[in-house]
């Protein structure tokens, strides 16, 4: 592992493992449906993460900088989407098979990343620190940074999902399941409101 890769991982640790829209979304889904049911959403989120990270490395950040209205639109659409996901939890019934409840899918994961403007800001900041002007056209460096960033996030989200799954093991009856859904929905709603307010 090169020194710059180690520095990149250390830079990303607090960003990836602290609570945020993605982590709470996957923790809530892990609590509601179990770890295995979240795999498709995780793949969607992290494939989108790699693509967006690579695109920003190629200059997408400059497009966003020139168009603050696009960034603002992403912020609002992203916050509303997370709020919709929160409402799904708030309306869900017991674990035993409520018709309205379904695990998040591949598209849900991808949309969550694409509509998260905070991710764009973090990615642009990461490139400003670890790519620099000299590496702006270096596809190998951009690919490597995109891969390290994506794998680090995948590991963090897997841990949050497992934590949600383990926590929910004690909430398998209908009353406790409803309580867990309300808590998960309220947390996601809080994150959505935070996204819209900042």
N, C-alpha and C. Protein backbone atom coordinates (compact mmCIF):
# COMPACT_ATOMS: atom_id res chain seq x y z
N UNK A 1 0.85 -1.18 0.00
CA UNK A 1 0.00 0.00 0.00
C UNK A 1 0.89 1.24 0.00
N UNK A 2 0.67 2.11 -0.96
CA UNK A 2 1.49 3.31 -1.04
C UNK A 2 1.10 4.28 0.07
N UNK A 3 1.99 5.21 0.31
CA UNK A 3 1.76 6.21 1.36
C UNK A 3 0.53 7.05 1.04
N UNK A 4 0.35 7.42 -0.23
CA UNK A 4 -0.79 8.26 -0.60
C UNK A 4 -2.11 7.50 -0.45
N UNK A 5 -2.11 6.18 -0.73
CA UNK A 5 -3.32 5.38 -0.56
C UNK A 5 -3.68 5.29 0.92
N UNK A 6 -2.68 5.07 1.77
CA UNK A 6 -2.93 5.03 3.21
C UNK A 6 -3.47 6.36 3.70
N UNK A 7 -2.90 7.46 3.22
CA UNK A 7 -3.38 8.79 3.60
C UNK A 7 -4.82 8.99 3.14
N UNK A 8 -5.14 8.50 1.93
CA UNK A 8 -6.50 8.61 1.40
C UNK A 8 -7.48 7.84 2.29
N UNK A 9 -7.12 6.62 2.67
CA UNK A 9 -8.00 5.81 3.52
C UNK A 9 -8.21 6.50 4.87
N UNK A 10 -7.14 7.04 5.45
CA UNK A 10 -7.27 7.73 6.74
C UNK A 10 -8.14 8.98 6.60
N UNK A 11 -8.04 9.65 5.48
CA UNK A 11 -8.87 10.81 5.19
C UNK A 11 -10.35 10.42 5.11
N UNK A 12 -10.61 9.24 4.49
CA UNK A 12 -11.99 8.81 4.25
C UNK A 12 -12.65 8.15 5.45
N UNK A 13 -11.88 7.61 6.39
CA UNK A 13 -12.47 6.87 7.51
C UNK A 13 -13.56 7.64 8.25
N UNK A 14 -13.26 8.85 8.73
CA UNK A 14 -14.34 9.53 9.46
C UNK A 14 -15.52 9.90 8.58
N UNK A 15 -15.28 10.14 7.30
CA UNK A 15 -16.36 10.50 6.40
C UNK A 15 -17.25 9.30 6.10
N UNK A 16 -16.66 8.14 5.92
CA UNK A 16 -17.42 6.96 5.53
C UNK A 16 -18.12 6.27 6.69
N UNK A 17 -17.53 6.30 7.88
CA UNK A 17 -18.06 5.51 8.99
C UNK A 17 -18.95 6.30 9.93
N UNK A 18 -18.98 7.64 9.79
CA UNK A 18 -19.86 8.43 10.64
C UNK A 18 -21.28 8.41 10.07
N UNK A 19 -22.30 8.67 10.91
CA UNK A 19 -23.69 8.62 10.42
C UNK A 19 -23.92 9.63 9.30
N UNK A 20 -24.61 9.19 8.29
CA UNK A 20 -24.97 10.04 7.17
C UNK A 20 -26.14 9.40 6.44
N UNK A 21 -26.63 10.02 5.37
CA UNK A 21 -27.80 9.48 4.67
C UNK A 21 -27.63 8.02 4.23
N UNK A 22 -26.48 7.71 3.62
CA UNK A 22 -26.27 6.34 3.14
C UNK A 22 -26.16 5.34 4.27
N UNK A 23 -25.35 5.65 5.29
CA UNK A 23 -25.17 4.73 6.41
C UNK A 23 -26.49 4.45 7.12
N UNK A 24 -27.25 5.50 7.41
CA UNK A 24 -28.52 5.31 8.12
C UNK A 24 -29.53 4.57 7.25
N UNK A 25 -29.52 4.85 5.96
CA UNK A 25 -30.42 4.14 5.04
C UNK A 25 -30.13 2.64 5.08
N UNK A 26 -28.86 2.26 5.00
CA UNK A 26 -28.53 0.84 5.00
C UNK A 26 -28.69 0.20 6.37
N UNK A 27 -28.42 0.94 7.43
CA UNK A 27 -28.66 0.40 8.77
C UNK A 27 -30.14 0.13 8.97
N UNK A 28 -30.98 1.06 8.52
CA UNK A 28 -32.43 0.87 8.64
C UNK A 28 -32.91 -0.31 7.80
N UNK A 29 -32.39 -0.44 6.59
CA UNK A 29 -32.77 -1.58 5.75
C UNK A 29 -32.26 -2.89 6.32
N UNK A 30 -31.04 -2.88 6.87
CA UNK A 30 -30.53 -4.09 7.51
C UNK A 30 -31.38 -4.48 8.70
N UNK A 31 -31.83 -3.49 9.48
CA UNK A 31 -32.69 -3.77 10.63
C UNK A 31 -34.03 -4.32 10.18
N UNK A 32 -34.56 -3.80 9.10
CA UNK A 32 -35.91 -4.19 8.66
C UNK A 32 -35.92 -5.52 7.91
N UNK A 33 -34.93 -5.74 7.05
CA UNK A 33 -34.99 -6.88 6.15
C UNK A 33 -33.83 -7.86 6.29
N UNK A 34 -32.80 -7.51 7.06
CA UNK A 34 -31.63 -8.37 7.17
C UNK A 34 -30.56 -7.99 6.17
N UNK A 35 -29.35 -8.44 6.44
CA UNK A 35 -28.19 -8.06 5.63
C UNK A 35 -28.33 -8.50 4.18
N UNK A 36 -28.72 -9.75 3.96
CA UNK A 36 -28.76 -10.29 2.59
C UNK A 36 -29.71 -9.52 1.69
N UNK A 37 -30.81 -9.03 2.26
CA UNK A 37 -31.80 -8.31 1.45
C UNK A 37 -31.31 -6.95 0.98
N UNK A 38 -30.22 -6.47 1.55
CA UNK A 38 -29.72 -5.14 1.17
C UNK A 38 -28.60 -5.21 0.12
N UNK A 39 -28.22 -6.40 -0.26
CA UNK A 39 -27.07 -6.54 -1.17
C UNK A 39 -27.31 -5.83 -2.50
N UNK A 40 -28.50 -5.97 -3.09
CA UNK A 40 -28.76 -5.32 -4.38
C UNK A 40 -28.68 -3.80 -4.27
N UNK A 41 -29.26 -3.23 -3.20
CA UNK A 41 -29.20 -1.78 -3.01
C UNK A 41 -27.76 -1.33 -2.80
N UNK A 42 -26.99 -2.12 -2.06
CA UNK A 42 -25.59 -1.79 -1.83
C UNK A 42 -24.82 -1.80 -3.15
N UNK A 43 -25.09 -2.78 -4.00
CA UNK A 43 -24.42 -2.83 -5.30
C UNK A 43 -24.80 -1.62 -6.14
N UNK A 44 -26.08 -1.26 -6.14
CA UNK A 44 -26.53 -0.09 -6.89
C UNK A 44 -25.86 1.18 -6.40
N UNK A 45 -25.82 1.34 -5.09
CA UNK A 45 -25.22 2.54 -4.51
C UNK A 45 -23.73 2.63 -4.86
N UNK A 46 -23.05 1.52 -4.76
CA UNK A 46 -21.60 1.58 -4.94
C UNK A 46 -21.16 1.54 -6.40
N UNK A 47 -21.96 0.98 -7.28
CA UNK A 47 -21.67 1.13 -8.71
C UNK A 47 -21.84 2.60 -9.09
N UNK A 48 -22.93 3.22 -8.61
CA UNK A 48 -23.14 4.65 -8.86
C UNK A 48 -22.02 5.47 -8.22
N UNK A 49 -21.57 5.06 -7.03
CA UNK A 49 -20.47 5.77 -6.37
C UNK A 49 -19.23 5.79 -7.25
N UNK A 50 -18.86 4.62 -7.79
CA UNK A 50 -17.66 4.55 -8.60
C UNK A 50 -17.80 5.41 -9.86
N UNK A 51 -18.95 5.31 -10.52
CA UNK A 51 -19.16 6.06 -11.76
C UNK A 51 -19.13 7.57 -11.50
N UNK A 52 -19.86 8.00 -10.46
CA UNK A 52 -19.89 9.43 -10.14
C UNK A 52 -18.50 9.92 -9.72
N UNK A 53 -17.81 9.13 -8.91
CA UNK A 53 -16.47 9.52 -8.46
C UNK A 53 -15.52 9.65 -9.64
N UNK A 54 -15.59 8.71 -10.57
CA UNK A 54 -14.73 8.76 -11.75
C UNK A 54 -15.08 9.97 -12.61
N UNK A 55 -16.39 10.23 -12.78
CA UNK A 55 -16.83 11.38 -13.58
C UNK A 55 -16.36 12.69 -12.96
N UNK A 56 -16.47 12.80 -11.65
CA UNK A 56 -15.99 14.02 -10.98
C UNK A 56 -14.49 14.17 -11.18
N UNK A 57 -13.78 13.06 -11.10
CA UNK A 57 -12.34 13.10 -11.35
C UNK A 57 -12.01 13.59 -12.75
N UNK A 58 -12.89 13.31 -13.69
CA UNK A 58 -12.67 13.76 -15.07
C UNK A 58 -13.11 15.20 -15.30
N UNK A 59 -13.76 15.81 -14.33
CA UNK A 59 -14.12 17.21 -14.49
C UNK A 59 -15.56 17.56 -14.22
N UNK A 60 -16.36 16.60 -13.80
CA UNK A 60 -17.76 16.88 -13.51
C UNK A 60 -17.89 17.93 -12.40
N UNK A 61 -16.93 17.97 -11.48
CA UNK A 61 -16.97 18.95 -10.40
C UNK A 61 -16.94 20.37 -10.97
N UNK A 62 -16.19 20.57 -12.05
CA UNK A 62 -16.12 21.90 -12.66
C UNK A 62 -17.48 22.30 -13.23
N UNK A 63 -18.22 21.33 -13.78
CA UNK A 63 -19.56 21.60 -14.31
C UNK A 63 -20.48 22.01 -13.16
N UNK A 64 -20.41 21.29 -12.04
CA UNK A 64 -21.25 21.64 -10.89
C UNK A 64 -20.87 23.00 -10.34
N UNK A 65 -19.58 23.34 -10.35
CA UNK A 65 -19.14 24.63 -9.82
C UNK A 65 -19.68 25.77 -10.67
N UNK A 66 -19.77 25.54 -11.99
CA UNK A 66 -20.28 26.58 -12.89
C UNK A 66 -21.80 26.67 -12.84
N UNK A 67 -22.44 25.62 -12.37
CA UNK A 67 -23.90 25.61 -12.32
C UNK A 67 -24.43 25.36 -10.92
N UNK A 68 -24.38 26.38 -10.03
CA UNK A 68 -24.85 26.18 -8.66
C UNK A 68 -26.33 25.79 -8.60
N UNK A 69 -27.10 26.15 -9.61
CA UNK A 69 -28.51 25.78 -9.63
C UNK A 69 -28.66 24.26 -9.73
N UNK A 70 -27.76 23.59 -10.46
CA UNK A 70 -27.79 22.13 -10.56
C UNK A 70 -27.52 21.51 -9.20
N UNK A 71 -26.54 22.05 -8.48
CA UNK A 71 -26.22 21.55 -7.15
C UNK A 71 -27.41 21.73 -6.21
N UNK A 72 -28.06 22.89 -6.28
CA UNK A 72 -29.22 23.17 -5.43
C UNK A 72 -30.37 22.22 -5.78
N UNK A 73 -30.59 21.97 -7.06
CA UNK A 73 -31.65 21.05 -7.48
C UNK A 73 -31.37 19.64 -6.96
N UNK A 74 -30.12 19.19 -7.07
CA UNK A 74 -29.75 17.87 -6.54
C UNK A 74 -30.00 17.79 -5.04
N UNK A 75 -29.67 18.88 -4.35
CA UNK A 75 -29.87 18.92 -2.90
C UNK A 75 -31.34 18.71 -2.55
N UNK A 76 -32.22 19.43 -3.23
CA UNK A 76 -33.65 19.34 -2.91
C UNK A 76 -34.25 18.00 -3.34
N UNK A 77 -33.93 17.55 -4.53
CA UNK A 77 -34.46 16.27 -4.99
C UNK A 77 -33.94 15.14 -4.11
N UNK A 78 -32.65 15.21 -3.73
CA UNK A 78 -32.08 14.18 -2.86
C UNK A 78 -32.74 14.15 -1.49
N UNK A 79 -32.95 15.32 -0.89
CA UNK A 79 -33.61 15.38 0.41
C UNK A 79 -35.03 14.83 0.35
N UNK A 80 -35.75 15.17 -0.70
CA UNK A 80 -37.12 14.67 -0.86
C UNK A 80 -37.13 13.16 -1.05
N UNK A 81 -36.16 12.63 -1.81
CA UNK A 81 -36.10 11.19 -2.03
C UNK A 81 -35.84 10.44 -0.72
N UNK A 82 -34.91 10.95 0.11
CA UNK A 82 -34.65 10.31 1.40
C UNK A 82 -35.89 10.39 2.29
N UNK A 83 -36.63 11.49 2.20
CA UNK A 83 -37.87 11.63 2.96
C UNK A 83 -38.90 10.59 2.51
N UNK A 84 -38.98 10.34 1.22
CA UNK A 84 -39.89 9.29 0.70
C UNK A 84 -39.48 7.93 1.25
N UNK A 85 -38.18 7.66 1.28
CA UNK A 85 -37.71 6.39 1.84
C UNK A 85 -38.08 6.29 3.32
N UNK A 86 -37.98 7.40 4.04
CA UNK A 86 -38.34 7.42 5.46
C UNK A 86 -39.83 7.10 5.63
N UNK A 87 -40.66 7.66 4.77
CA UNK A 87 -42.10 7.41 4.86
C UNK A 87 -42.43 5.93 4.63
N UNK A 88 -41.67 5.27 3.78
CA UNK A 88 -41.87 3.83 3.58
C UNK A 88 -41.69 3.09 4.90
N UNK A 89 -40.67 3.47 5.66
CA UNK A 89 -40.44 2.83 6.96
C UNK A 89 -41.56 3.16 7.93
N UNK A 90 -41.98 4.41 7.95
CA UNK A 90 -43.00 4.82 8.90
C UNK A 90 -44.34 4.12 8.65
N UNK A 91 -44.60 3.76 7.39
CA UNK A 91 -45.85 3.08 7.04
C UNK A 91 -45.75 1.56 7.10
N UNK A 92 -44.55 1.03 7.22
CA UNK A 92 -44.36 -0.43 7.18
C UNK A 92 -44.92 -1.07 8.45
N UNK A 93 -45.38 -2.30 8.29
CA UNK A 93 -45.93 -3.05 9.41
C UNK A 93 -44.88 -3.93 10.06
N UNK A 94 -45.35 -5.06 10.57
CA UNK A 94 -44.46 -6.01 11.26
C UNK A 94 -43.55 -6.70 10.26
N UNK A 95 -42.51 -7.35 10.78
CA UNK A 95 -41.55 -8.03 9.93
C UNK A 95 -42.14 -9.21 9.18
N UNK A 96 -43.21 -9.73 9.67
CA UNK A 96 -43.71 -11.00 9.16
C UNK A 96 -44.37 -10.95 7.81
N UNK A 97 -44.24 -9.88 7.04
CA UNK A 97 -44.75 -9.93 5.68
C UNK A 97 -45.79 -8.89 5.35
N UNK A 98 -45.66 -7.68 5.83
CA UNK A 98 -46.57 -6.63 5.43
C UNK A 98 -46.40 -6.38 3.94
N UNK A 99 -47.53 -6.20 3.24
CA UNK A 99 -47.48 -6.08 1.79
C UNK A 99 -46.72 -4.84 1.34
N UNK A 100 -46.79 -3.76 2.13
CA UNK A 100 -46.18 -2.51 1.72
C UNK A 100 -44.65 -2.54 1.86
N UNK A 101 -44.16 -3.38 2.73
CA UNK A 101 -42.73 -3.40 3.01
C UNK A 101 -41.98 -4.22 1.96
N UNK A 102 -40.89 -3.65 1.48
CA UNK A 102 -40.01 -4.39 0.57
C UNK A 102 -38.61 -3.86 0.75
N UNK A 103 -37.62 -4.72 0.60
CA UNK A 103 -36.25 -4.22 0.74
C UNK A 103 -35.90 -3.28 -0.41
N UNK A 104 -34.99 -2.37 -0.16
CA UNK A 104 -34.52 -1.46 -1.20
C UNK A 104 -33.83 -2.27 -2.29
N UNK A 105 -33.99 -1.83 -3.52
CA UNK A 105 -33.39 -2.53 -4.64
C UNK A 105 -32.17 -1.81 -5.21
N UNK A 106 -31.65 -2.33 -6.29
CA UNK A 106 -30.47 -1.79 -6.96
C UNK A 106 -30.69 -0.32 -7.32
N UNK A 107 -31.86 -0.03 -7.92
CA UNK A 107 -32.14 1.35 -8.35
C UNK A 107 -32.24 2.28 -7.15
N UNK A 108 -32.84 1.82 -6.05
CA UNK A 108 -32.93 2.66 -4.85
C UNK A 108 -31.54 3.07 -4.37
N UNK A 109 -30.62 2.12 -4.35
CA UNK A 109 -29.25 2.42 -3.93
C UNK A 109 -28.58 3.42 -4.87
N UNK A 110 -28.73 3.21 -6.18
CA UNK A 110 -28.10 4.11 -7.15
C UNK A 110 -28.69 5.52 -7.04
N UNK A 111 -30.02 5.61 -6.93
CA UNK A 111 -30.68 6.91 -6.84
C UNK A 111 -30.24 7.64 -5.58
N UNK A 112 -30.12 6.90 -4.47
CA UNK A 112 -29.70 7.52 -3.21
C UNK A 112 -28.34 8.20 -3.37
N UNK A 113 -27.42 7.56 -4.07
CA UNK A 113 -26.10 8.19 -4.28
C UNK A 113 -26.20 9.36 -5.26
N UNK A 114 -26.87 9.16 -6.37
CA UNK A 114 -26.93 10.18 -7.42
C UNK A 114 -27.59 11.46 -6.91
N UNK A 115 -28.56 11.33 -6.00
CA UNK A 115 -29.27 12.50 -5.50
C UNK A 115 -28.71 13.01 -4.17
N UNK A 116 -27.48 12.63 -3.85
CA UNK A 116 -26.87 13.07 -2.60
C UNK A 116 -25.78 14.10 -2.90
N UNK A 117 -26.12 15.40 -2.87
CA UNK A 117 -25.12 16.41 -3.23
C UNK A 117 -23.94 16.45 -2.27
N UNK A 118 -24.14 15.99 -1.04
CA UNK A 118 -23.04 15.95 -0.07
C UNK A 118 -21.93 15.02 -0.58
N UNK A 119 -22.33 13.95 -1.25
CA UNK A 119 -21.34 13.02 -1.82
C UNK A 119 -20.48 13.74 -2.85
N UNK A 120 -21.10 14.58 -3.67
CA UNK A 120 -20.34 15.32 -4.68
C UNK A 120 -19.31 16.24 -4.04
N UNK A 121 -19.74 16.89 -2.96
CA UNK A 121 -18.82 17.81 -2.28
C UNK A 121 -17.63 17.04 -1.67
N UNK A 122 -17.92 15.89 -1.05
CA UNK A 122 -16.85 15.09 -0.45
C UNK A 122 -15.89 14.57 -1.53
N UNK A 123 -16.45 14.12 -2.64
CA UNK A 123 -15.62 13.59 -3.72
C UNK A 123 -14.73 14.70 -4.30
N UNK A 124 -15.32 15.88 -4.51
CA UNK A 124 -14.52 16.99 -5.04
C UNK A 124 -13.41 17.37 -4.06
N UNK A 125 -13.73 17.40 -2.77
CA UNK A 125 -12.72 17.70 -1.75
C UNK A 125 -11.62 16.64 -1.76
N UNK A 126 -12.01 15.38 -1.88
CA UNK A 126 -11.04 14.29 -1.91
C UNK A 126 -10.07 14.47 -3.09
N UNK A 127 -10.61 14.79 -4.26
CA UNK A 127 -9.74 14.98 -5.42
C UNK A 127 -8.83 16.18 -5.25
N UNK A 128 -9.33 17.23 -4.61
CA UNK A 128 -8.49 18.41 -4.43
C UNK A 128 -7.29 18.09 -3.54
N UNK A 129 -7.44 17.11 -2.68
CA UNK A 129 -6.36 16.75 -1.76
C UNK A 129 -5.45 15.64 -2.32
N UNK A 130 -6.02 14.74 -3.11
CA UNK A 130 -5.26 13.54 -3.49
C UNK A 130 -4.99 13.38 -4.98
N UNK A 131 -5.48 14.29 -5.81
CA UNK A 131 -5.17 14.20 -7.23
C UNK A 131 -4.30 15.37 -7.65
N UNK A 132 -4.75 16.57 -7.36
CA UNK A 132 -3.98 17.75 -7.71
C UNK A 132 -4.00 18.05 -9.20
N UNK A 133 -3.54 19.21 -9.56
CA UNK A 133 -3.57 19.65 -10.96
C UNK A 133 -2.72 18.75 -11.86
N UNK A 134 -1.61 18.25 -11.33
CA UNK A 134 -0.70 17.43 -12.14
C UNK A 134 -1.35 16.12 -12.57
N UNK A 135 -2.24 15.58 -11.74
CA UNK A 135 -2.85 14.29 -12.08
C UNK A 135 -4.21 14.41 -12.70
N UNK A 136 -4.63 15.62 -13.07
CA UNK A 136 -5.99 15.85 -13.54
C UNK A 136 -6.36 14.98 -14.75
N UNK A 137 -5.42 14.66 -15.61
CA UNK A 137 -5.74 13.84 -16.77
C UNK A 137 -5.29 12.39 -16.64
N UNK A 138 -4.81 12.00 -15.49
CA UNK A 138 -4.27 10.66 -15.27
C UNK A 138 -5.41 9.68 -14.95
N UNK A 139 -5.84 8.93 -15.98
CA UNK A 139 -6.97 8.01 -15.80
C UNK A 139 -6.67 6.92 -14.77
N UNK A 140 -5.42 6.49 -14.69
CA UNK A 140 -5.05 5.47 -13.71
C UNK A 140 -5.22 5.98 -12.29
N UNK A 141 -4.77 7.21 -12.04
CA UNK A 141 -4.90 7.80 -10.70
C UNK A 141 -6.36 8.04 -10.36
N UNK A 142 -7.13 8.53 -11.32
CA UNK A 142 -8.56 8.77 -11.09
C UNK A 142 -9.28 7.45 -10.82
N UNK A 143 -8.95 6.43 -11.58
CA UNK A 143 -9.55 5.11 -11.37
C UNK A 143 -9.20 4.53 -10.01
N UNK A 144 -7.93 4.69 -9.61
CA UNK A 144 -7.50 4.17 -8.31
C UNK A 144 -8.20 4.88 -7.17
N UNK A 145 -8.26 6.20 -7.21
CA UNK A 145 -8.93 6.97 -6.16
C UNK A 145 -10.41 6.60 -6.12
N UNK A 146 -11.04 6.48 -7.27
CA UNK A 146 -12.46 6.09 -7.33
C UNK A 146 -12.68 4.72 -6.70
N UNK A 147 -11.77 3.79 -6.96
CA UNK A 147 -11.90 2.43 -6.44
C UNK A 147 -11.69 2.39 -4.93
N UNK A 148 -10.67 3.08 -4.43
CA UNK A 148 -10.41 3.11 -2.98
C UNK A 148 -11.60 3.75 -2.27
N UNK A 149 -12.10 4.85 -2.79
CA UNK A 149 -13.24 5.54 -2.20
C UNK A 149 -14.46 4.63 -2.16
N UNK A 150 -14.75 3.96 -3.26
CA UNK A 150 -15.93 3.09 -3.35
C UNK A 150 -15.81 1.89 -2.41
N UNK A 151 -14.65 1.24 -2.39
CA UNK A 151 -14.48 0.07 -1.52
C UNK A 151 -14.53 0.45 -0.04
N UNK A 152 -13.98 1.61 0.30
CA UNK A 152 -14.05 2.08 1.68
C UNK A 152 -15.50 2.31 2.09
N UNK A 153 -16.28 2.95 1.21
CA UNK A 153 -17.71 3.16 1.50
C UNK A 153 -18.46 1.85 1.60
N UNK A 154 -18.14 0.92 0.72
CA UNK A 154 -18.81 -0.39 0.75
C UNK A 154 -18.56 -1.08 2.09
N UNK A 155 -17.33 -1.04 2.57
CA UNK A 155 -17.02 -1.65 3.87
C UNK A 155 -17.79 -0.96 5.00
N UNK A 156 -17.84 0.37 4.95
CA UNK A 156 -18.57 1.11 6.00
C UNK A 156 -20.05 0.78 5.97
N UNK A 157 -20.64 0.74 4.78
CA UNK A 157 -22.07 0.47 4.68
C UNK A 157 -22.39 -0.96 5.08
N UNK A 158 -21.49 -1.88 4.76
CA UNK A 158 -21.69 -3.27 5.18
C UNK A 158 -21.72 -3.36 6.71
N UNK A 159 -20.82 -2.64 7.37
CA UNK A 159 -20.81 -2.64 8.84
C UNK A 159 -22.08 -2.03 9.41
N UNK A 160 -22.53 -0.92 8.83
CA UNK A 160 -23.77 -0.30 9.30
C UNK A 160 -24.97 -1.22 9.07
N UNK A 161 -24.98 -1.90 7.93
CA UNK A 161 -26.08 -2.82 7.62
C UNK A 161 -26.09 -3.99 8.59
N UNK A 162 -24.90 -4.57 8.86
CA UNK A 162 -24.81 -5.66 9.83
C UNK A 162 -25.24 -5.22 11.22
N UNK A 163 -24.84 -4.00 11.59
CA UNK A 163 -25.24 -3.47 12.91
C UNK A 163 -26.76 -3.35 12.98
N UNK A 164 -27.37 -2.85 11.92
CA UNK A 164 -28.83 -2.76 11.89
C UNK A 164 -29.49 -4.12 11.97
N UNK A 165 -28.94 -5.09 11.24
CA UNK A 165 -29.46 -6.45 11.24
C UNK A 165 -29.37 -7.07 12.64
N UNK A 166 -28.23 -6.92 13.29
CA UNK A 166 -28.03 -7.49 14.63
C UNK A 166 -28.92 -6.82 15.66
N UNK A 167 -29.04 -5.50 15.55
CA UNK A 167 -29.89 -4.76 16.48
C UNK A 167 -31.34 -5.21 16.37
N UNK A 168 -31.77 -5.46 15.15
CA UNK A 168 -33.18 -5.82 14.92
C UNK A 168 -33.49 -7.24 15.36
N UNK A 169 -32.47 -8.06 15.62
CA UNK A 169 -32.74 -9.44 16.03
C UNK A 169 -33.63 -9.48 17.28
N UNK A 170 -33.53 -8.47 18.11
CA UNK A 170 -34.37 -8.42 19.31
C UNK A 170 -35.73 -7.81 19.06
N UNK A 171 -36.04 -7.46 17.82
CA UNK A 171 -37.30 -6.78 17.51
C UNK A 171 -38.12 -7.56 16.48
N UNK A 172 -38.23 -8.86 16.65
CA UNK A 172 -38.90 -9.66 15.64
C UNK A 172 -40.41 -9.80 15.83
N UNK A 173 -40.96 -9.45 17.01
CA UNK A 173 -42.41 -9.54 17.14
C UNK A 173 -43.05 -8.27 16.56
N UNK A 174 -44.36 -8.31 16.34
CA UNK A 174 -45.04 -7.25 15.61
C UNK A 174 -44.93 -5.89 16.29
N UNK A 175 -45.10 -5.82 17.60
CA UNK A 175 -45.05 -4.54 18.31
C UNK A 175 -43.64 -3.96 18.24
N UNK A 176 -42.65 -4.79 18.52
CA UNK A 176 -41.27 -4.31 18.49
C UNK A 176 -40.86 -3.94 17.07
N UNK A 177 -41.35 -4.69 16.07
CA UNK A 177 -41.03 -4.38 14.68
C UNK A 177 -41.60 -3.02 14.29
N UNK A 178 -42.82 -2.74 14.73
CA UNK A 178 -43.42 -1.45 14.43
C UNK A 178 -42.60 -0.32 15.07
N UNK A 179 -42.14 -0.56 16.29
CA UNK A 179 -41.31 0.42 16.99
C UNK A 179 -40.01 0.67 16.21
N UNK A 180 -39.39 -0.42 15.74
CA UNK A 180 -38.14 -0.29 14.98
C UNK A 180 -38.39 0.46 13.67
N UNK A 181 -39.51 0.20 13.00
CA UNK A 181 -39.82 0.91 11.77
C UNK A 181 -40.00 2.41 12.03
N UNK A 182 -40.67 2.75 13.13
CA UNK A 182 -40.86 4.16 13.47
C UNK A 182 -39.53 4.84 13.76
N UNK A 183 -38.65 4.16 14.50
CA UNK A 183 -37.33 4.72 14.80
C UNK A 183 -36.53 4.90 13.52
N UNK A 184 -36.51 3.87 12.67
CA UNK A 184 -35.76 3.94 11.40
C UNK A 184 -36.31 5.04 10.51
N UNK A 185 -37.63 5.11 10.40
CA UNK A 185 -38.25 6.14 9.58
C UNK A 185 -37.96 7.53 10.10
N UNK A 186 -38.03 7.69 11.43
CA UNK A 186 -37.75 9.00 12.03
C UNK A 186 -36.30 9.41 11.80
N UNK A 187 -35.38 8.47 11.92
CA UNK A 187 -33.96 8.78 11.67
C UNK A 187 -33.74 9.23 10.23
N UNK A 188 -34.33 8.47 9.28
CA UNK A 188 -34.17 8.85 7.87
C UNK A 188 -34.85 10.18 7.58
N UNK A 189 -36.01 10.42 8.19
CA UNK A 189 -36.68 11.71 8.00
C UNK A 189 -35.81 12.84 8.53
N UNK A 190 -35.18 12.62 9.69
CA UNK A 190 -34.27 13.63 10.24
C UNK A 190 -33.11 13.91 9.32
N UNK A 191 -32.55 12.86 8.71
CA UNK A 191 -31.46 13.04 7.75
C UNK A 191 -31.94 13.82 6.54
N UNK A 192 -33.15 13.49 6.06
CA UNK A 192 -33.70 14.20 4.89
C UNK A 192 -33.88 15.68 5.19
N UNK A 193 -34.41 16.00 6.37
CA UNK A 193 -34.60 17.40 6.74
C UNK A 193 -33.25 18.11 6.88
N UNK A 194 -32.26 17.40 7.42
CA UNK A 194 -30.91 17.97 7.53
C UNK A 194 -30.34 18.26 6.14
N UNK A 195 -30.55 17.32 5.20
CA UNK A 195 -30.06 17.53 3.83
C UNK A 195 -30.71 18.77 3.22
N UNK A 196 -32.01 18.95 3.47
CA UNK A 196 -32.73 20.07 2.89
C UNK A 196 -32.36 21.40 3.56
N UNK A 197 -31.99 21.33 4.84
CA UNK A 197 -31.72 22.56 5.60
C UNK A 197 -30.29 23.07 5.43
N UNK A 198 -29.36 22.20 5.03
CA UNK A 198 -27.97 22.65 4.94
C UNK A 198 -27.56 22.97 3.52
